[in-house]
Amino acid sequence: MRIFQPIMLVCAVAMSFVGALGLPGCARAIGECLRDRPEAA
């Protein structure tokens, strides 16, 4: 349960970003993040 709680927090933040930016903005932000840090992918 200790590991599961931060995952829920990350999911909640991600959902708030999707709601704020909309799906196209979210996909673009993820694409920029992956392009900036390819080793994280």
N, C-alpha and C. Protein backbone atom coordinates (compact mmCIF):
# COMPACT_ATOMS: atom_id res chain seq x y z
N MET A 1 0.84 -1.21 0.00
CA MET A 1 0.00 0.00 0.00
C MET A 1 0.88 1.25 0.00
N ARG A 2 2.04 1.15 0.59
CA ARG A 2 2.93 2.30 0.66
C ARG A 2 3.43 2.69 -0.73
N ILE A 3 3.59 1.67 -1.60
CA ILE A 3 4.05 1.94 -2.96
C ILE A 3 2.89 2.43 -3.83
N PHE A 4 1.69 1.96 -3.52
CA PHE A 4 0.53 2.26 -4.34
C PHE A 4 0.07 3.70 -4.19
N GLN A 5 0.28 4.29 -3.02
CA GLN A 5 -0.22 5.64 -2.76
C GLN A 5 0.41 6.70 -3.67
N PRO A 6 1.75 6.74 -3.83
CA PRO A 6 2.34 7.72 -4.75
C PRO A 6 1.87 7.55 -6.19
N ILE A 7 1.59 6.30 -6.59
CA ILE A 7 1.09 6.05 -7.95
C ILE A 7 -0.26 6.72 -8.14
N MET A 8 -1.12 6.63 -7.13
CA MET A 8 -2.44 7.28 -7.20
C MET A 8 -2.28 8.79 -7.28
N LEU A 9 -1.31 9.34 -6.56
CA LEU A 9 -1.06 10.78 -6.58
C LEU A 9 -0.62 11.22 -7.97
N VAL A 10 0.29 10.45 -8.57
CA VAL A 10 0.76 10.77 -9.92
C VAL A 10 -0.39 10.70 -10.92
N CYS A 11 -1.24 9.68 -10.77
CA CYS A 11 -2.39 9.53 -11.67
C CYS A 11 -3.35 10.71 -11.52
N ALA A 12 -3.57 11.16 -10.29
CA ALA A 12 -4.47 12.29 -10.05
C ALA A 12 -3.92 13.56 -10.70
N VAL A 13 -2.61 13.77 -10.58
CA VAL A 13 -1.99 14.94 -11.20
C VAL A 13 -2.08 14.84 -12.72
N ALA A 14 -1.85 13.65 -13.25
CA ALA A 14 -1.92 13.45 -14.70
C ALA A 14 -3.33 13.72 -15.22
N MET A 15 -4.34 13.25 -14.48
CA MET A 15 -5.73 13.48 -14.90
C MET A 15 -6.07 14.97 -14.87
N SER A 16 -5.52 15.69 -13.88
CA SER A 16 -5.79 17.13 -13.81
C SER A 16 -5.14 17.84 -14.99
N PHE A 17 -3.95 17.38 -15.41
CA PHE A 17 -3.30 17.96 -16.57
C PHE A 17 -4.11 17.69 -17.84
N VAL A 18 -4.62 16.47 -17.98
CA VAL A 18 -5.43 16.12 -19.14
C VAL A 18 -6.68 16.99 -19.18
N GLY A 19 -7.29 17.22 -18.02
CA GLY A 19 -8.49 18.04 -17.96
C GLY A 19 -8.20 19.50 -18.30
N ALA A 20 -7.03 19.98 -17.87
CA ALA A 20 -6.69 21.39 -18.07
C ALA A 20 -6.24 21.66 -19.51
N LEU A 21 -5.41 20.78 -20.06
CA LEU A 21 -4.84 21.02 -21.38
C LEU A 21 -5.69 20.44 -22.49
N GLY A 22 -6.49 19.44 -22.16
CA GLY A 22 -7.17 18.70 -23.21
C GLY A 22 -6.23 17.63 -23.74
N LEU A 23 -6.78 16.67 -24.47
CA LEU A 23 -5.97 15.54 -24.94
C LEU A 23 -4.85 15.96 -25.90
N PRO A 24 -5.07 16.84 -26.88
CA PRO A 24 -3.98 17.23 -27.79
C PRO A 24 -2.84 17.91 -27.05
N GLY A 25 -3.17 18.81 -26.12
CA GLY A 25 -2.12 19.50 -25.37
C GLY A 25 -1.33 18.54 -24.51
N CYS A 26 -2.02 17.56 -23.93
CA CYS A 26 -1.35 16.57 -23.08
C CYS A 26 -0.40 15.72 -23.92
N ALA A 27 -0.86 15.26 -25.08
CA ALA A 27 -0.02 14.44 -25.94
C ALA A 27 1.20 15.23 -26.40
N ARG A 28 1.02 16.51 -26.70
CA ARG A 28 2.14 17.33 -27.14
C ARG A 28 3.15 17.55 -26.02
N ALA A 29 2.63 17.76 -24.79
CA ALA A 29 3.52 17.94 -23.64
C ALA A 29 4.34 16.68 -23.38
N ILE A 30 3.70 15.51 -23.50
CA ILE A 30 4.41 14.25 -23.30
C ILE A 30 5.46 14.07 -24.40
N GLY A 31 5.12 14.42 -25.63
CA GLY A 31 6.07 14.30 -26.74
C GLY A 31 7.28 15.20 -26.52
N GLU A 32 7.06 16.43 -26.03
CA GLU A 32 8.17 17.34 -25.77
C GLU A 32 9.05 16.81 -24.65
N CYS A 33 8.42 16.24 -23.61
CA CYS A 33 9.17 15.69 -22.48
C CYS A 33 10.05 14.53 -22.94
N LEU A 34 9.48 13.65 -23.76
CA LEU A 34 10.25 12.50 -24.25
C LEU A 34 11.37 12.95 -25.18
N ARG A 35 11.14 14.00 -25.94
CA ARG A 35 12.16 14.49 -26.86
C ARG A 35 13.31 15.16 -26.10
N ASP A 36 12.96 15.85 -25.00
CA ASP A 36 13.99 16.52 -24.21
C ASP A 36 14.85 15.52 -23.45
N ARG A 37 14.23 14.44 -22.97
CA ARG A 37 14.95 13.45 -22.18
C ARG A 37 14.73 12.05 -22.76
N PRO A 38 15.39 11.70 -23.85
CA PRO A 38 15.16 10.40 -24.50
C PRO A 38 15.59 9.23 -23.63
N GLU A 39 16.56 9.45 -22.71
CA GLU A 39 17.01 8.35 -21.86
C GLU A 39 15.96 7.94 -20.84
N ALA A 40 14.98 8.83 -20.58
CA ALA A 40 13.92 8.51 -19.61
C ALA A 40 12.85 7.61 -20.24
N ALA A 41 12.79 7.58 -21.58
CA ALA A 41 11.75 6.79 -22.25
C ALA A 41 12.01 5.30 -22.11
